[in-house]
Amino acid sequence: MKLYLDAERLVNQFKIKNLDALHLATSQYAKVDFFISCDYNLIKKLKGELNVISPGKFFEKYEKCKR
């Protein structure tokens, strides 16, 4: 139930779609390091709030960690 409340908070706070909010709330619950998305509007809305990044940016970070 908390997951749905967190998703609802994300919808209200960031004005995002319900399904996007549920995916994000689930990723927060799972304590993932990154939420990778090709939805650049979503990335822009959440910049600085959650670790939502594009696949390209993730790949850059991943490559730097491997070195």
N, C-alpha and C. Protein backbone atom coordinates (compact mmCIF):
# COMPACT_ATOMS: atom_id res chain seq x y z
N MET A 1 0.81 -1.20 0.00
CA MET A 1 0.00 0.00 0.00
C MET A 1 0.86 1.27 0.00
N LYS A 2 1.97 1.22 0.74
CA LYS A 2 2.86 2.37 0.78
C LYS A 2 3.38 2.71 -0.62
N LEU A 3 3.62 1.67 -1.42
CA LEU A 3 4.10 1.87 -2.79
C LEU A 3 3.12 2.74 -3.57
N TYR A 4 1.83 2.47 -3.44
CA TYR A 4 0.83 3.26 -4.16
C TYR A 4 0.74 4.68 -3.64
N LEU A 5 0.93 4.86 -2.34
CA LEU A 5 0.92 6.21 -1.78
C LEU A 5 2.13 7.00 -2.26
N ASP A 6 3.28 6.33 -2.34
CA ASP A 6 4.48 6.99 -2.87
C ASP A 6 4.29 7.35 -4.34
N ALA A 7 3.68 6.46 -5.11
CA ALA A 7 3.41 6.74 -6.52
C ALA A 7 2.46 7.93 -6.66
N GLU A 8 1.45 7.96 -5.82
CA GLU A 8 0.49 9.07 -5.86
C GLU A 8 1.19 10.40 -5.53
N ARG A 9 2.10 10.36 -4.57
CA ARG A 9 2.86 11.56 -4.21
C ARG A 9 3.70 12.03 -5.39
N LEU A 10 4.33 11.10 -6.11
CA LEU A 10 5.13 11.46 -7.28
C LEU A 10 4.27 12.08 -8.38
N VAL A 11 3.08 11.52 -8.59
CA VAL A 11 2.16 12.07 -9.59
C VAL A 11 1.83 13.52 -9.24
N ASN A 12 1.49 13.76 -7.99
CA ASN A 12 1.10 15.11 -7.57
C ASN A 12 2.29 16.08 -7.54
N GLN A 13 3.44 15.59 -7.11
CA GLN A 13 4.60 16.46 -6.98
C GLN A 13 5.22 16.83 -8.32
N PHE A 14 5.33 15.85 -9.22
CA PHE A 14 6.05 16.08 -10.48
C PHE A 14 5.15 16.11 -11.71
N LYS A 15 3.85 15.91 -11.49
CA LYS A 15 2.89 15.93 -12.61
C LYS A 15 3.28 14.93 -13.70
N ILE A 16 3.51 13.69 -13.27
CA ILE A 16 3.87 12.62 -14.20
C ILE A 16 2.74 11.61 -14.29
N LYS A 17 2.82 10.74 -15.28
CA LYS A 17 1.78 9.74 -15.50
C LYS A 17 1.79 8.71 -14.37
N ASN A 18 0.61 8.12 -14.12
CA ASN A 18 0.46 7.15 -13.04
C ASN A 18 1.42 5.97 -13.19
N LEU A 19 1.53 5.43 -14.39
CA LEU A 19 2.39 4.26 -14.59
C LEU A 19 3.86 4.62 -14.40
N ASP A 20 4.26 5.80 -14.86
CA ASP A 20 5.64 6.25 -14.62
C ASP A 20 5.90 6.37 -13.12
N ALA A 21 4.95 6.93 -12.42
CA ALA A 21 5.09 7.10 -10.97
C ALA A 21 5.18 5.76 -10.26
N LEU A 22 4.41 4.79 -10.70
CA LEU A 22 4.46 3.46 -10.09
C LEU A 22 5.82 2.80 -10.35
N HIS A 23 6.34 2.95 -11.55
CA HIS A 23 7.67 2.41 -11.86
C HIS A 23 8.74 3.08 -10.99
N LEU A 24 8.64 4.39 -10.85
CA LEU A 24 9.62 5.12 -10.04
C LEU A 24 9.51 4.75 -8.57
N ALA A 25 8.30 4.65 -8.06
CA ALA A 25 8.10 4.28 -6.66
C ALA A 25 8.64 2.87 -6.41
N THR A 26 8.43 1.98 -7.36
CA THR A 26 8.95 0.62 -7.24
C THR A 26 10.48 0.63 -7.22
N SER A 27 11.08 1.46 -8.06
CA SER A 27 12.55 1.52 -8.09
C SER A 27 13.10 2.11 -6.79
N GLN A 28 12.38 3.07 -6.22
CA GLN A 28 12.79 3.62 -4.92
C GLN A 28 12.68 2.55 -3.84
N TYR A 29 11.61 1.80 -3.86
CA TYR A 29 11.38 0.74 -2.88
C TYR A 29 12.48 -0.32 -3.00
N ALA A 30 12.91 -0.62 -4.22
CA ALA A 30 13.95 -1.61 -4.47
C ALA A 30 15.36 -1.04 -4.24
N LYS A 31 15.44 0.25 -4.00
CA LYS A 31 16.71 0.94 -3.74
C LYS A 31 17.71 0.76 -4.88
N VAL A 32 17.22 0.97 -6.10
CA VAL A 32 18.11 0.87 -7.26
C VAL A 32 19.02 2.09 -7.30
N ASP A 33 20.16 1.92 -7.93
CA ASP A 33 21.11 3.04 -8.05
C ASP A 33 20.69 4.01 -9.14
N PHE A 34 20.10 3.49 -10.21
CA PHE A 34 19.70 4.32 -11.35
C PHE A 34 18.34 3.87 -11.86
N PHE A 35 17.57 4.81 -12.34
CA PHE A 35 16.35 4.52 -13.08
C PHE A 35 16.63 4.98 -14.50
N ILE A 36 16.77 4.05 -15.41
CA ILE A 36 17.15 4.37 -16.80
C ILE A 36 15.90 4.51 -17.65
N SER A 37 15.80 5.64 -18.34
CA SER A 37 14.62 5.91 -19.15
C SER A 37 15.00 6.65 -20.43
N CYS A 38 14.24 6.38 -21.49
CA CYS A 38 14.39 7.12 -22.73
C CYS A 38 13.39 8.28 -22.81
N ASP A 39 12.58 8.43 -21.78
CA ASP A 39 11.58 9.49 -21.72
C ASP A 39 12.26 10.77 -21.22
N TYR A 40 12.72 11.58 -22.16
CA TYR A 40 13.50 12.75 -21.79
C TYR A 40 12.68 13.80 -21.03
N ASN A 41 11.37 13.83 -21.24
CA ASN A 41 10.53 14.74 -20.44
C ASN A 41 10.52 14.29 -18.98
N LEU A 42 10.45 12.99 -18.76
CA LEU A 42 10.48 12.46 -17.40
C LEU A 42 11.84 12.76 -16.75
N ILE A 43 12.90 12.53 -17.49
CA ILE A 43 14.24 12.80 -16.96
C ILE A 43 14.37 14.26 -16.57
N LYS A 44 13.89 15.15 -17.44
CA LYS A 44 13.98 16.59 -17.18
C LYS A 44 13.16 16.99 -15.95
N LYS A 45 11.97 16.43 -15.80
CA LYS A 45 11.12 16.76 -14.66
C LYS A 45 11.74 16.33 -13.33
N LEU A 46 12.44 15.21 -13.35
CA LEU A 46 12.96 14.64 -12.11
C LEU A 46 14.43 14.94 -11.88
N LYS A 47 15.03 15.76 -12.71
CA LYS A 47 16.45 16.06 -12.59
C LYS A 47 16.77 16.61 -11.20
N GLY A 48 17.72 15.97 -10.55
CA GLY A 48 18.14 16.41 -9.23
C GLY A 48 17.31 15.83 -8.09
N GLU A 49 16.17 15.27 -8.40
CA GLU A 49 15.30 14.72 -7.36
C GLU A 49 15.54 13.22 -7.17
N LEU A 50 15.55 12.52 -8.26
CA LEU A 50 15.79 11.07 -8.26
C LEU A 50 16.87 10.79 -9.28
N ASN A 51 17.50 9.65 -9.16
CA ASN A 51 18.58 9.33 -10.08
C ASN A 51 18.03 8.72 -11.36
N VAL A 52 17.32 9.53 -12.13
CA VAL A 52 16.73 9.12 -13.41
C VAL A 52 17.64 9.62 -14.51
N ILE A 53 18.15 8.68 -15.33
CA ILE A 53 19.09 9.07 -16.38
C ILE A 53 18.77 8.34 -17.68
N SER A 54 19.32 8.88 -18.75
CA SER A 54 19.15 8.27 -20.07
C SER A 54 20.10 7.08 -20.20
N PRO A 55 19.83 6.17 -21.13
CA PRO A 55 20.75 5.05 -21.34
C PRO A 55 22.17 5.51 -21.68
N GLY A 56 22.30 6.57 -22.47
CA GLY A 56 23.61 7.08 -22.84
C GLY A 56 24.39 7.58 -21.63
N LYS A 57 23.73 8.33 -20.76
CA LYS A 57 24.39 8.84 -19.55
C LYS A 57 24.77 7.68 -18.62
N PHE A 58 23.89 6.68 -18.53
CA PHE A 58 24.20 5.52 -17.71
C PHE A 58 25.45 4.82 -18.25
N PHE A 59 25.52 4.65 -19.55
CA PHE A 59 26.66 3.98 -20.15
C PHE A 59 27.95 4.75 -19.86
N GLU A 60 27.90 6.09 -19.93
CA GLU A 60 29.08 6.91 -19.60
C GLU A 60 29.52 6.65 -18.17
N LYS A 61 28.59 6.66 -17.23
CA LYS A 61 28.92 6.42 -15.83
C LYS A 61 29.46 5.02 -15.63
N TYR A 62 28.86 4.05 -16.28
CA TYR A 62 29.28 2.67 -16.16
C TYR A 62 30.70 2.48 -16.67
N GLU A 63 31.01 3.09 -17.79
CA GLU A 63 32.35 2.98 -18.38
C GLU A 63 33.39 3.61 -17.46
N LYS A 64 33.05 4.73 -16.81
CA LYS A 64 34.00 5.37 -15.90
C LYS A 64 34.25 4.48 -14.67
N CYS A 65 33.24 3.77 -14.22
CA CYS A 65 33.38 2.90 -13.04
C CYS A 65 34.24 1.68 -13.35
N LYS A 66 34.21 1.23 -14.59
CA LYS A 66 34.97 0.03 -14.97
C LYS A 66 36.47 0.29 -15.01
N ARG A 67 36.86 1.53 -15.18
CA ARG A 67 38.28 1.86 -15.34
C ARG A 67 38.99 1.87 -14.01
